[in-house]
Amino acid sequence: MKKFLRWLIHFVLKAITKINVTGYENLPAKDGFVIAVNHLGILDAPMAYYALDDWNLFIPVAEKWEENPFLRWLGKHLNFIFINRFKPDLKAMREMIKRMEEGQTLVIAPEGTRARDEKMAQGKPGVAYLASKLGWQIVPVAISGTEDRLFFGNLKHFRRTHIKIVAGKPFMLPPFPRENREEVLQEYADEIMCRISVMLPEKNRGYYAEHPRLKALLAGTE
């Protein structure tokens, strides 16, 4: 089934999009790392399955989609983890930790939902919590061109949507904070988002457009 799904995803995306992927050299040689991405539109979800030949990965998906029989079936073959976005989901977090320990790669959008205004929202600290506490490497990945407005407009006029995917250099967050955890973990989440934002077009940077950390990264004064 995975071979068929791989073929289907590539066939469909090649028919409706033109995708340029750079930064493969930044992916760690071993599995068990985090790919953190921005989320502009519905096309973002299949990008990991298109860009990565190795499907030893899993993606957290909002629990509301589990009610859809087709997506529930698809999730079994594409390694979805359905997660409650509005309160701590300990069961899902334990499952994510288990899969990471088994060497799978976590692909996650820290924003939690797609940007309906086509701009980045502030990242949530969930992945920062896990990555800091368990010492996971993070690869920031920026996706541009997948805005729903652009995609559906192109689809309506039988035009292919041009998409750019850029993987940045992997990094690790500082150790898990002992004090002021909520504040520090949000700073860690903002660090992840700024490392994604630096690779995005200015128009998509949204919440992070004027962030001091982004300005430092753009200036090369890390």
N, C-alpha and C. Protein backbone atom coordinates (compact mmCIF):
# COMPACT_ATOMS: atom_id res chain seq x y z
N MET A 1 0.82 -1.21 0.00
CA MET A 1 0.00 0.00 0.00
C MET A 1 0.86 1.27 0.00
N LYS A 2 1.98 1.26 0.76
CA LYS A 2 2.83 2.45 0.81
C LYS A 2 3.43 2.76 -0.55
N LYS A 3 3.79 1.72 -1.30
CA LYS A 3 4.34 1.94 -2.65
C LYS A 3 3.30 2.61 -3.54
N PHE A 4 2.05 2.16 -3.42
CA PHE A 4 0.99 2.77 -4.22
C PHE A 4 0.76 4.21 -3.81
N LEU A 5 0.72 4.46 -2.50
CA LEU A 5 0.51 5.82 -2.02
C LEU A 5 1.66 6.74 -2.43
N ARG A 6 2.90 6.23 -2.38
CA ARG A 6 4.05 7.01 -2.82
C ARG A 6 3.88 7.42 -4.29
N TRP A 7 3.52 6.43 -5.12
CA TRP A 7 3.31 6.70 -6.54
C TRP A 7 2.18 7.70 -6.74
N LEU A 8 1.08 7.53 -6.01
CA LEU A 8 -0.08 8.40 -6.17
C LEU A 8 0.24 9.84 -5.76
N ILE A 9 0.92 10.01 -4.62
CA ILE A 9 1.28 11.35 -4.16
C ILE A 9 2.19 12.04 -5.17
N HIS A 10 3.19 11.33 -5.67
CA HIS A 10 4.10 11.92 -6.65
C HIS A 10 3.36 12.25 -7.94
N PHE A 11 2.51 11.36 -8.39
CA PHE A 11 1.77 11.57 -9.63
C PHE A 11 0.87 12.80 -9.54
N VAL A 12 0.11 12.89 -8.46
CA VAL A 12 -0.83 14.01 -8.30
C VAL A 12 -0.09 15.33 -8.14
N LEU A 13 0.93 15.35 -7.28
CA LEU A 13 1.64 16.60 -7.04
C LEU A 13 2.40 17.07 -8.27
N LYS A 14 2.96 16.15 -9.03
CA LYS A 14 3.65 16.55 -10.26
C LYS A 14 2.68 17.11 -11.29
N ALA A 15 1.44 16.64 -11.24
CA ALA A 15 0.44 17.12 -12.19
C ALA A 15 -0.06 18.52 -11.85
N ILE A 16 -0.12 18.86 -10.57
CA ILE A 16 -0.73 20.13 -10.18
C ILE A 16 0.26 21.14 -9.60
N THR A 17 1.52 20.72 -9.39
CA THR A 17 2.51 21.62 -8.80
C THR A 17 3.87 21.48 -9.50
N LYS A 18 4.72 22.43 -9.23
CA LYS A 18 6.13 22.34 -9.59
C LYS A 18 6.91 22.64 -8.33
N ILE A 19 7.59 21.62 -7.79
CA ILE A 19 8.21 21.72 -6.47
C ILE A 19 9.73 21.75 -6.58
N ASN A 20 10.34 22.73 -5.93
CA ASN A 20 11.79 22.85 -5.87
C ASN A 20 12.23 22.63 -4.42
N VAL A 21 13.04 21.60 -4.20
CA VAL A 21 13.50 21.26 -2.86
C VAL A 21 15.00 21.47 -2.76
N THR A 22 15.44 22.20 -1.76
CA THR A 22 16.87 22.38 -1.50
C THR A 22 17.17 22.13 -0.03
N GLY A 23 18.43 21.80 0.26
CA GLY A 23 18.85 21.60 1.64
C GLY A 23 18.90 20.16 2.09
N TYR A 24 18.87 19.22 1.15
CA TYR A 24 18.94 17.81 1.55
C TYR A 24 20.20 17.51 2.35
N GLU A 25 21.27 18.25 2.06
CA GLU A 25 22.54 18.00 2.76
C GLU A 25 22.45 18.33 4.25
N ASN A 26 21.41 19.05 4.65
CA ASN A 26 21.25 19.41 6.07
C ASN A 26 20.51 18.36 6.89
N LEU A 27 19.96 17.35 6.24
CA LEU A 27 19.26 16.31 6.98
C LEU A 27 20.25 15.40 7.68
N PRO A 28 20.07 15.14 8.98
CA PRO A 28 20.97 14.24 9.70
C PRO A 28 21.02 12.86 9.05
N ALA A 29 22.17 12.21 9.16
CA ALA A 29 22.36 10.90 8.54
C ALA A 29 21.47 9.85 9.19
N LYS A 30 21.21 10.01 10.48
CA LYS A 30 20.39 9.04 11.21
C LYS A 30 18.99 9.58 11.43
N ASP A 31 18.04 8.66 11.57
CA ASP A 31 16.67 9.06 11.87
C ASP A 31 16.56 9.46 13.34
N GLY A 32 15.35 9.84 13.73
CA GLY A 32 15.13 10.21 15.12
C GLY A 32 15.36 11.69 15.36
N PHE A 33 15.02 12.52 14.38
CA PHE A 33 15.13 13.96 14.54
C PHE A 33 13.77 14.59 14.24
N VAL A 34 13.68 15.91 14.44
CA VAL A 34 12.44 16.65 14.23
C VAL A 34 12.57 17.54 13.00
N ILE A 35 11.60 17.48 12.12
CA ILE A 35 11.48 18.45 11.04
C ILE A 35 10.37 19.41 11.43
N ALA A 36 10.73 20.68 11.66
CA ALA A 36 9.75 21.70 12.05
C ALA A 36 9.46 22.58 10.85
N VAL A 37 8.20 22.69 10.46
CA VAL A 37 7.82 23.41 9.25
C VAL A 37 6.76 24.47 9.55
N ASN A 38 6.69 25.47 8.67
CA ASN A 38 5.57 26.41 8.73
C ASN A 38 4.37 25.79 8.02
N HIS A 39 3.20 26.41 8.17
CA HIS A 39 1.98 25.80 7.64
C HIS A 39 1.11 26.86 6.98
N LEU A 40 1.25 26.97 5.65
CA LEU A 40 0.52 27.99 4.90
C LEU A 40 -0.78 27.49 4.30
N GLY A 41 -0.85 26.20 3.95
CA GLY A 41 -2.04 25.71 3.27
C GLY A 41 -2.16 24.21 3.31
N ILE A 42 -3.24 23.71 2.73
CA ILE A 42 -3.52 22.28 2.81
C ILE A 42 -2.50 21.44 2.03
N LEU A 43 -1.80 22.05 1.10
CA LEU A 43 -0.80 21.31 0.34
C LEU A 43 0.44 20.97 1.16
N ASP A 44 0.62 21.62 2.32
CA ASP A 44 1.81 21.38 3.13
C ASP A 44 1.89 19.93 3.60
N ALA A 45 0.76 19.36 3.96
CA ALA A 45 0.75 18.03 4.58
C ALA A 45 1.45 16.96 3.75
N PRO A 46 1.17 16.86 2.44
CA PRO A 46 1.82 15.80 1.67
C PRO A 46 3.26 16.10 1.26
N MET A 47 3.77 17.29 1.56
CA MET A 47 5.10 17.65 1.09
C MET A 47 6.20 16.74 1.63
N ALA A 48 6.07 16.32 2.89
CA ALA A 48 7.10 15.43 3.46
C ALA A 48 7.16 14.12 2.71
N TYR A 49 6.00 13.61 2.31
CA TYR A 49 5.95 12.33 1.60
C TYR A 49 6.45 12.47 0.17
N TYR A 50 6.41 13.68 -0.35
CA TYR A 50 6.95 13.93 -1.69
C TYR A 50 8.47 14.15 -1.63
N ALA A 51 8.90 14.94 -0.66
CA ALA A 51 10.31 15.36 -0.62
C ALA A 51 11.24 14.30 -0.06
N LEU A 52 10.73 13.43 0.82
CA LEU A 52 11.58 12.43 1.47
C LEU A 52 11.34 11.05 0.88
N ASP A 53 12.42 10.41 0.47
CA ASP A 53 12.30 9.05 -0.05
C ASP A 53 12.05 8.05 1.09
N ASP A 54 12.64 8.34 2.24
CA ASP A 54 12.48 7.47 3.40
C ASP A 54 11.24 7.90 4.16
N TRP A 55 10.26 7.00 4.23
CA TRP A 55 9.01 7.33 4.91
C TRP A 55 9.02 6.88 6.37
N ASN A 56 10.20 6.84 6.97
CA ASN A 56 10.29 6.50 8.39
C ASN A 56 10.00 7.75 9.20
N LEU A 57 8.77 8.24 9.05
CA LEU A 57 8.37 9.50 9.67
C LEU A 57 6.93 9.41 10.16
N PHE A 58 6.54 10.38 10.97
CA PHE A 58 5.15 10.47 11.41
C PHE A 58 4.77 11.93 11.58
N ILE A 59 3.47 12.20 11.45
CA ILE A 59 2.97 13.58 11.47
C ILE A 59 1.80 13.69 12.44
N PRO A 60 1.84 14.61 13.40
CA PRO A 60 0.67 14.88 14.25
C PRO A 60 -0.40 15.59 13.44
N VAL A 61 -1.64 15.13 13.57
CA VAL A 61 -2.76 15.69 12.83
C VAL A 61 -3.89 16.01 13.81
N ALA A 62 -4.58 17.11 13.61
CA ALA A 62 -5.67 17.52 14.50
C ALA A 62 -6.69 16.40 14.66
N GLU A 63 -7.14 16.22 15.89
CA GLU A 63 -8.04 15.10 16.23
C GLU A 63 -9.35 15.15 15.45
N LYS A 64 -9.77 16.33 15.01
CA LYS A 64 -11.05 16.42 14.29
C LYS A 64 -11.05 15.62 13.00
N TRP A 65 -9.87 15.44 12.41
CA TRP A 65 -9.80 14.70 11.15
C TRP A 65 -9.92 13.20 11.35
N GLU A 66 -9.77 12.75 12.58
CA GLU A 66 -9.92 11.32 12.85
C GLU A 66 -11.37 10.87 12.64
N GLU A 67 -12.30 11.81 12.68
CA GLU A 67 -13.71 11.48 12.48
C GLU A 67 -14.02 11.17 11.01
N ASN A 68 -13.12 11.55 10.13
CA ASN A 68 -13.30 11.28 8.70
C ASN A 68 -12.78 9.87 8.40
N PRO A 69 -13.64 8.95 7.97
CA PRO A 69 -13.21 7.56 7.75
C PRO A 69 -12.05 7.42 6.78
N PHE A 70 -12.07 8.24 5.70
CA PHE A 70 -10.99 8.15 4.72
C PHE A 70 -9.66 8.59 5.31
N LEU A 71 -9.66 9.72 6.05
CA LEU A 71 -8.42 10.21 6.64
C LEU A 71 -7.94 9.30 7.76
N ARG A 72 -8.88 8.68 8.46
CA ARG A 72 -8.49 7.71 9.50
C ARG A 72 -7.79 6.51 8.86
N TRP A 73 -8.33 6.04 7.72
CA TRP A 73 -7.69 4.93 7.00
C TRP A 73 -6.34 5.37 6.45
N LEU A 74 -6.29 6.57 5.85
CA LEU A 74 -5.04 7.07 5.29
C LEU A 74 -3.98 7.24 6.36
N GLY A 75 -4.43 7.67 7.54
CA GLY A 75 -3.49 7.88 8.63
C GLY A 75 -2.77 6.64 9.07
N LYS A 76 -3.40 5.49 8.91
CA LYS A 76 -2.77 4.23 9.28
C LYS A 76 -1.58 3.93 8.38
N HIS A 77 -1.66 4.34 7.12
CA HIS A 77 -0.61 4.05 6.16
C HIS A 77 0.44 5.16 6.07
N LEU A 78 0.07 6.37 6.50
CA LEU A 78 0.99 7.49 6.44
C LEU A 78 1.50 7.90 7.83
N ASN A 79 1.24 7.06 8.82
CA ASN A 79 1.76 7.27 10.17
C ASN A 79 1.31 8.59 10.80
N PHE A 80 0.00 8.87 10.73
CA PHE A 80 -0.53 10.02 11.44
C PHE A 80 -0.65 9.70 12.93
N ILE A 81 -0.51 10.72 13.76
CA ILE A 81 -0.90 10.64 15.16
C ILE A 81 -1.95 11.72 15.37
N PHE A 82 -3.16 11.33 15.68
CA PHE A 82 -4.23 12.30 15.91
C PHE A 82 -4.08 12.86 17.32
N ILE A 83 -4.03 14.19 17.40
CA ILE A 83 -3.69 14.84 18.66
C ILE A 83 -4.67 15.97 18.97
N ASN A 84 -5.01 16.10 20.25
CA ASN A 84 -5.87 17.18 20.72
C ASN A 84 -5.03 18.46 20.80
N ARG A 85 -5.39 19.47 20.01
CA ARG A 85 -4.60 20.70 19.95
C ARG A 85 -4.91 21.67 21.07
N PHE A 86 -6.00 21.43 21.81
CA PHE A 86 -6.49 22.45 22.74
C PHE A 86 -6.23 22.13 24.22
N LYS A 87 -5.68 20.96 24.49
CA LYS A 87 -5.30 20.63 25.85
C LYS A 87 -4.19 19.58 25.81
N PRO A 88 -3.40 19.46 26.88
CA PRO A 88 -2.30 18.50 26.88
C PRO A 88 -2.79 17.08 26.56
N ASP A 89 -2.22 16.49 25.53
CA ASP A 89 -2.62 15.14 25.10
C ASP A 89 -1.48 14.19 25.46
N LEU A 90 -1.52 13.68 26.70
CA LEU A 90 -0.42 12.85 27.20
C LEU A 90 -0.27 11.55 26.42
N LYS A 91 -1.38 10.99 26.00
CA LYS A 91 -1.33 9.75 25.23
C LYS A 91 -0.58 9.96 23.92
N ALA A 92 -0.90 11.05 23.23
CA ALA A 92 -0.24 11.35 21.96
C ALA A 92 1.24 11.66 22.18
N MET A 93 1.55 12.38 23.25
CA MET A 93 2.95 12.73 23.52
C MET A 93 3.77 11.49 23.83
N ARG A 94 3.19 10.56 24.57
CA ARG A 94 3.90 9.30 24.87
C ARG A 94 4.15 8.52 23.58
N GLU A 95 3.17 8.54 22.69
CA GLU A 95 3.33 7.83 21.43
C GLU A 95 4.41 8.48 20.57
N MET A 96 4.48 9.81 20.57
CA MET A 96 5.52 10.51 19.81
C MET A 96 6.90 10.18 20.36
N ILE A 97 7.04 10.18 21.68
CA ILE A 97 8.33 9.84 22.30
C ILE A 97 8.73 8.42 21.93
N LYS A 98 7.78 7.50 21.99
CA LYS A 98 8.05 6.10 21.65
C LYS A 98 8.54 5.97 20.21
N ARG A 99 7.88 6.65 19.30
CA ARG A 99 8.28 6.55 17.89
C ARG A 99 9.64 7.18 17.64
N MET A 100 9.92 8.28 18.31
CA MET A 100 11.24 8.90 18.17
C MET A 100 12.33 7.98 18.69
N GLU A 101 12.06 7.33 19.80
CA GLU A 101 13.04 6.39 20.36
C GLU A 101 13.27 5.21 19.43
N GLU A 102 12.28 4.90 18.60
CA GLU A 102 12.41 3.82 17.62
C GLU A 102 13.13 4.30 16.36
N GLY A 103 13.47 5.59 16.30
CA GLY A 103 14.21 6.11 15.17
C GLY A 103 13.39 6.78 14.09
N GLN A 104 12.08 6.98 14.34
CA GLN A 104 11.25 7.67 13.36
C GLN A 104 11.49 9.18 13.43
N THR A 105 11.19 9.86 12.33
CA THR A 105 11.35 11.31 12.25
C THR A 105 9.99 11.98 12.45
N LEU A 106 9.96 12.95 13.35
CA LEU A 106 8.74 13.71 13.62
C LEU A 106 8.69 14.92 12.68
N VAL A 107 7.61 15.04 11.92
CA VAL A 107 7.38 16.20 11.07
C VAL A 107 6.22 16.98 11.67
N ILE A 108 6.47 18.23 12.09
CA ILE A 108 5.45 18.96 12.83
C ILE A 108 5.46 20.45 12.49
N ALA A 109 4.28 21.04 12.48
CA ALA A 109 4.13 22.48 12.31
C ALA A 109 3.85 23.09 13.68
N PRO A 110 4.81 23.76 14.30
CA PRO A 110 4.61 24.31 15.65
C PRO A 110 3.43 25.27 15.76
N GLU A 111 2.99 25.86 14.66
CA GLU A 111 1.85 26.78 14.71
C GLU A 111 0.56 26.05 15.07
N GLY A 112 0.48 24.77 14.76
CA GLY A 112 -0.69 23.98 15.14
C GLY A 112 -1.80 23.97 14.11
N THR A 113 -1.86 24.97 13.24
CA THR A 113 -2.89 25.04 12.22
C THR A 113 -2.37 25.89 11.08
N ARG A 114 -3.01 25.80 9.92
CA ARG A 114 -2.50 26.56 8.78
C ARG A 114 -2.84 28.04 8.90
N ALA A 115 -2.00 28.85 8.27
CA ALA A 115 -2.13 30.30 8.34
C ALA A 115 -3.14 30.79 7.31
N ARG A 116 -4.36 31.04 7.74
CA ARG A 116 -5.40 31.46 6.81
C ARG A 116 -5.17 32.87 6.28
N ASP A 117 -4.33 33.64 6.96
CA ASP A 117 -4.00 34.98 6.47
C ASP A 117 -2.69 34.96 5.69
N GLU A 118 -2.16 33.76 5.43
CA GLU A 118 -0.94 33.55 4.64
C GLU A 118 0.31 34.06 5.35
N LYS A 119 0.24 34.19 6.68
CA LYS A 119 1.38 34.66 7.47
C LYS A 119 1.58 33.75 8.68
N MET A 120 2.83 33.65 9.10
CA MET A 120 3.15 32.81 10.25
C MET A 120 2.46 33.32 11.52
N ALA A 121 1.95 32.37 12.29
CA ALA A 121 1.44 32.67 13.62
C ALA A 121 2.51 32.30 14.64
N GLN A 122 2.31 32.70 15.87
CA GLN A 122 3.30 32.33 16.89
C GLN A 122 3.28 30.83 17.11
N GLY A 123 4.46 30.23 17.19
CA GLY A 123 4.57 28.80 17.41
C GLY A 123 4.19 28.41 18.82
N LYS A 124 3.59 27.24 18.96
CA LYS A 124 3.24 26.72 20.28
C LYS A 124 4.44 25.95 20.85
N PRO A 125 4.56 25.89 22.18
CA PRO A 125 5.78 25.33 22.79
C PRO A 125 5.84 23.81 22.88
N GLY A 126 4.85 23.09 22.35
CA GLY A 126 4.84 21.64 22.52
C GLY A 126 6.08 20.95 22.01
N VAL A 127 6.47 21.21 20.77
CA VAL A 127 7.65 20.55 20.21
C VAL A 127 8.92 21.04 20.87
N ALA A 128 8.94 22.31 21.30
CA ALA A 128 10.10 22.83 22.02
C ALA A 128 10.27 22.09 23.34
N TYR A 129 9.16 21.80 24.00
CA TYR A 129 9.19 21.05 25.26
C TYR A 129 9.84 19.69 25.04
N LEU A 130 9.37 18.96 24.03
CA LEU A 130 9.89 17.62 23.78
C LEU A 130 11.35 17.65 23.33
N ALA A 131 11.67 18.54 22.40
CA ALA A 131 13.03 18.60 21.86
C ALA A 131 14.04 19.00 22.93
N SER A 132 13.66 19.94 23.79
CA SER A 132 14.56 20.39 24.85
C SER A 132 14.73 19.32 25.92
N LYS A 133 13.63 18.73 26.32
CA LYS A 133 13.66 17.76 27.41
C LYS A 133 14.39 16.48 27.03
N LEU A 134 14.24 16.07 25.74
CA LEU A 134 14.77 14.78 25.31
C LEU A 134 15.99 14.90 24.40
N GLY A 135 16.43 16.13 24.13
CA GLY A 135 17.65 16.31 23.38
C GLY A 135 17.56 15.95 21.91
N TRP A 136 16.44 16.28 21.28
CA TRP A 136 16.26 15.95 19.87
C TRP A 136 16.83 17.04 18.97
N GLN A 137 17.44 16.63 17.86
CA GLN A 137 17.86 17.58 16.84
C GLN A 137 16.64 18.11 16.08
N ILE A 138 16.70 19.37 15.69
CA ILE A 138 15.60 19.99 14.94
C ILE A 138 16.14 20.49 13.60
N VAL A 139 15.45 20.15 12.53
CA VAL A 139 15.77 20.68 11.20
C VAL A 139 14.65 21.65 10.82
N PRO A 140 14.93 22.95 10.71
CA PRO A 140 13.90 23.90 10.30
C PRO A 140 13.67 23.80 8.79
N VAL A 141 12.42 23.76 8.38
CA VAL A 141 12.08 23.67 6.95
C VAL A 141 11.04 24.73 6.63
N ALA A 142 11.30 25.51 5.60
CA ALA A 142 10.38 26.56 5.16
C ALA A 142 9.69 26.14 3.87
N ILE A 143 8.37 26.24 3.86
CA ILE A 143 7.58 25.93 2.66
C ILE A 143 6.88 27.22 2.22
N SER A 144 7.06 27.59 0.96
CA SER A 144 6.39 28.77 0.42
C SER A 144 5.72 28.43 -0.90
N GLY A 145 4.62 29.14 -1.17
CA GLY A 145 3.88 28.93 -2.40
C GLY A 145 2.66 28.06 -2.25
N THR A 146 2.42 27.55 -1.03
CA THR A 146 1.30 26.62 -0.82
C THR A 146 0.04 27.30 -0.29
N GLU A 147 0.02 28.65 -0.28
CA GLU A 147 -1.16 29.33 0.21
C GLU A 147 -2.42 28.82 -0.50
N ASP A 148 -3.47 28.57 0.24
CA ASP A 148 -4.71 28.03 -0.34
C ASP A 148 -5.24 28.91 -1.46
N ARG A 149 -5.16 30.22 -1.27
CA ARG A 149 -5.65 31.15 -2.29
C ARG A 149 -4.93 30.94 -3.62
N LEU A 150 -3.62 30.80 -3.55
CA LEU A 150 -2.84 30.58 -4.76
C LEU A 150 -3.12 29.23 -5.38
N PHE A 151 -3.14 28.20 -4.53
CA PHE A 151 -3.32 26.85 -5.02
C PHE A 151 -4.67 26.67 -5.71
N PHE A 152 -5.74 27.07 -5.02
CA PHE A 152 -7.07 26.86 -5.61
C PHE A 152 -7.30 27.76 -6.82
N GLY A 153 -6.68 28.96 -6.80
CA GLY A 153 -6.77 29.83 -7.96
C GLY A 153 -6.08 29.22 -9.18
N ASN A 154 -4.90 28.65 -8.95
CA ASN A 154 -4.19 27.98 -10.04
C ASN A 154 -4.93 26.75 -10.53
N LEU A 155 -5.48 26.00 -9.58
CA LEU A 155 -6.19 24.77 -9.94
C LEU A 155 -7.41 25.10 -10.80
N LYS A 156 -8.08 26.17 -10.45
CA LYS A 156 -9.27 26.59 -11.20
C LYS A 156 -8.93 26.93 -12.65
N HIS A 157 -7.73 27.46 -12.86
CA HIS A 157 -7.32 27.87 -14.21
C HIS A 157 -6.34 26.88 -14.83
N PHE A 158 -6.26 25.67 -14.26
CA PHE A 158 -5.42 24.59 -14.79
C PHE A 158 -3.95 25.00 -14.89
N ARG A 159 -3.49 25.73 -13.86
CA ARG A 159 -2.09 26.11 -13.78
C ARG A 159 -1.42 25.36 -12.64
N ARG A 160 -0.17 25.01 -12.81
CA ARG A 160 0.57 24.35 -11.75
C ARG A 160 1.04 25.39 -10.72
N THR A 161 1.00 25.01 -9.47
CA THR A 161 1.44 25.89 -8.38
C THR A 161 2.93 25.67 -8.12
N HIS A 162 3.69 26.75 -8.09
CA HIS A 162 5.13 26.67 -7.84
C HIS A 162 5.38 26.72 -6.33
N ILE A 163 6.05 25.70 -5.85
CA ILE A 163 6.29 25.55 -4.41
C ILE A 163 7.79 25.43 -4.16
N LYS A 164 8.24 26.07 -3.11
CA LYS A 164 9.65 26.01 -2.73
C LYS A 164 9.78 25.44 -1.32
N ILE A 165 10.64 24.46 -1.17
CA ILE A 165 10.91 23.84 0.13
C ILE A 165 12.40 23.98 0.41
N VAL A 166 12.73 24.57 1.56
CA VAL A 166 14.13 24.78 1.93
C VAL A 166 14.38 24.21 3.32
N ALA A 167 15.35 23.33 3.44
CA ALA A 167 15.74 22.78 4.74
C ALA A 167 16.97 23.50 5.25
N GLY A 168 16.90 23.99 6.47
CA GLY A 168 18.04 24.67 7.08
C GLY A 168 18.92 23.70 7.86
N LYS A 169 19.95 24.25 8.45
CA LYS A 169 20.89 23.42 9.22
C LYS A 169 20.25 22.96 10.53
N PRO A 170 20.52 21.71 10.94
CA PRO A 170 19.96 21.22 12.20
C PRO A 170 20.57 21.95 13.40
N PHE A 171 19.80 22.02 14.47
CA PHE A 171 20.28 22.64 15.69
C PHE A 171 19.60 21.97 16.88
N MET A 172 20.09 22.26 18.06
CA MET A 172 19.49 21.74 19.28
C MET A 172 19.17 22.89 20.21
N LEU A 173 18.09 22.75 20.93
CA LEU A 173 17.70 23.77 21.90
C LEU A 173 18.52 23.63 23.17
N PRO A 174 18.60 24.69 23.97
CA PRO A 174 19.27 24.60 25.27
C PRO A 174 18.57 23.57 26.16
N PRO A 175 19.22 23.18 27.26
CA PRO A 175 18.62 22.20 28.18
C PRO A 175 17.24 22.65 28.68
N PHE A 176 16.47 21.69 29.10
CA PHE A 176 15.12 21.95 29.61
C PHE A 176 15.20 22.90 30.80
N PRO A 177 14.43 23.98 30.79
CA PRO A 177 14.52 24.99 31.86
C PRO A 177 13.98 24.48 33.19
N ARG A 178 14.62 24.92 34.26
CA ARG A 178 14.16 24.54 35.61
C ARG A 178 13.25 25.61 36.19
N GLU A 179 13.40 26.84 35.73
CA GLU A 179 12.59 27.94 36.24
C GLU A 179 11.91 28.66 35.07
N ASN A 180 10.82 29.34 35.39
CA ASN A 180 10.09 30.11 34.37
C ASN A 180 9.86 29.29 33.10
N ARG A 181 9.39 28.07 33.29
CA ARG A 181 9.33 27.14 32.16
C ARG A 181 8.46 27.61 31.01
N GLU A 182 7.28 28.12 31.31
CA GLU A 182 6.38 28.55 30.25
C GLU A 182 7.02 29.64 29.39
N GLU A 183 7.62 30.60 30.07
CA GLU A 183 8.25 31.71 29.36
C GLU A 183 9.44 31.24 28.53
N VAL A 184 10.29 30.40 29.12
CA VAL A 184 11.49 29.95 28.43
C VAL A 184 11.14 29.02 27.27
N LEU A 185 10.17 28.12 27.48
CA LEU A 185 9.78 27.22 26.41
C LEU A 185 9.16 27.98 25.23
N GLN A 186 8.47 29.08 25.53
CA GLN A 186 7.96 29.90 24.43
C GLN A 186 9.12 30.55 23.67
N GLU A 187 10.16 30.94 24.40
CA GLU A 187 11.34 31.49 23.74
C GLU A 187 11.98 30.43 22.84
N TYR A 188 12.00 29.19 23.32
CA TYR A 188 12.54 28.10 22.51
C TYR A 188 11.69 27.90 21.25
N ALA A 189 10.36 27.95 21.41
CA ALA A 189 9.46 27.80 20.26
C ALA A 189 9.69 28.94 19.27
N ASP A 190 9.89 30.15 19.78
CA ASP A 190 10.14 31.29 18.90
C ASP A 190 11.47 31.13 18.17
N GLU A 191 12.44 30.50 18.82
CA GLU A 191 13.72 30.23 18.15
C GLU A 191 13.51 29.31 16.95
N ILE A 192 12.72 28.28 17.13
CA ILE A 192 12.41 27.37 16.02
C ILE A 192 11.75 28.13 14.89
N MET A 193 10.75 28.93 15.23
CA MET A 193 9.99 29.64 14.21
C MET A 193 10.84 30.69 13.48
N CYS A 194 11.74 31.35 14.19
CA CYS A 194 12.60 32.33 13.55
C CYS A 194 13.57 31.66 12.58
N ARG A 195 14.02 30.47 12.92
CA ARG A 195 14.92 29.74 12.01
C ARG A 195 14.19 29.26 10.77
N ILE A 196 12.88 29.07 10.88
CA ILE A 196 12.07 28.78 9.70
C ILE A 196 11.82 30.07 8.92
N SER A 197 11.46 31.10 9.65
CA SER A 197 11.08 32.38 9.04
C SER A 197 12.19 32.99 8.21
N VAL A 198 13.45 32.81 8.61
CA VAL A 198 14.56 33.41 7.89
C VAL A 198 14.66 32.87 6.46
N MET A 199 14.07 31.71 6.20
CA MET A 199 14.11 31.10 4.87
C MET A 199 12.84 31.37 4.07
N LEU A 200 11.89 32.10 4.65
CA LEU A 200 10.62 32.40 4.00
C LEU A 200 10.64 33.76 3.32
N PRO A 201 9.78 33.96 2.32
CA PRO A 201 9.60 35.31 1.78
C PRO A 201 9.11 36.25 2.89
N GLU A 202 9.49 37.49 2.82
CA GLU A 202 9.12 38.46 3.86
C GLU A 202 7.62 38.52 4.08
N LYS A 203 6.83 38.39 3.02
CA LYS A 203 5.38 38.51 3.12
C LYS A 203 4.74 37.43 3.98
N ASN A 204 5.45 36.31 4.19
CA ASN A 204 4.89 35.18 4.94
C ASN A 204 5.35 35.13 6.39
N ARG A 205 6.18 36.06 6.82
CA ARG A 205 6.80 35.96 8.15
C ARG A 205 5.87 36.34 9.29
N GLY A 206 4.83 37.08 9.00
CA GLY A 206 3.78 37.34 9.97
C GLY A 206 4.24 37.76 11.35
N TYR A 207 3.88 36.97 12.35
CA TYR A 207 4.17 37.28 13.75
C TYR A 207 5.65 37.54 13.98
N TYR A 208 6.51 36.90 13.19
CA TYR A 208 7.95 36.98 13.43
C TYR A 208 8.66 38.02 12.56
N ALA A 209 7.91 38.79 11.78
CA ALA A 209 8.51 39.72 10.83
C ALA A 209 9.46 40.71 11.50
N GLU A 210 9.10 41.17 12.69
CA GLU A 210 9.93 42.15 13.39
C GLU A 210 10.60 41.57 14.63
N HIS A 211 10.66 40.28 14.72
CA HIS A 211 11.23 39.65 15.92
C HIS A 211 12.74 39.89 15.98
N PRO A 212 13.26 40.28 17.13
CA PRO A 212 14.70 40.56 17.24
C PRO A 212 15.58 39.37 16.85
N ARG A 213 15.12 38.16 17.18
CA ARG A 213 15.92 36.98 16.84
C ARG A 213 15.98 36.77 15.33
N LEU A 214 14.87 37.02 14.64
CA LEU A 214 14.88 36.91 13.18
C LEU A 214 15.83 37.94 12.58
N LYS A 215 15.80 39.16 13.11
CA LYS A 215 16.68 40.21 12.60
C LYS A 215 18.15 39.83 12.78
N ALA A 216 18.46 39.18 13.90
CA ALA A 216 19.83 38.74 14.14
C ALA A 216 20.24 37.66 13.15
N LEU A 217 19.33 36.75 12.87
CA LEU A 217 19.62 35.68 11.91
C LEU A 217 19.79 36.24 10.50
N LEU A 218 18.95 37.20 10.14
CA LEU A 218 19.07 37.81 8.82
C LEU A 218 20.36 38.58 8.66
N ALA A 219 20.81 39.17 9.76
CA ALA A 219 22.04 39.95 9.73
C ALA A 219 23.28 39.08 9.87
N GLY A 220 23.05 37.80 10.19
CA GLY A 220 24.18 36.89 10.38
C GLY A 220 24.92 37.10 11.67
N THR A 221 24.25 37.74 12.65
CA THR A 221 24.88 38.01 13.94
C THR A 221 24.27 37.13 15.01
N GLU A 222 24.38 35.82 14.81
CA GLU A 222 23.80 34.90 15.77
C GLU A 222 24.51 34.97 17.10
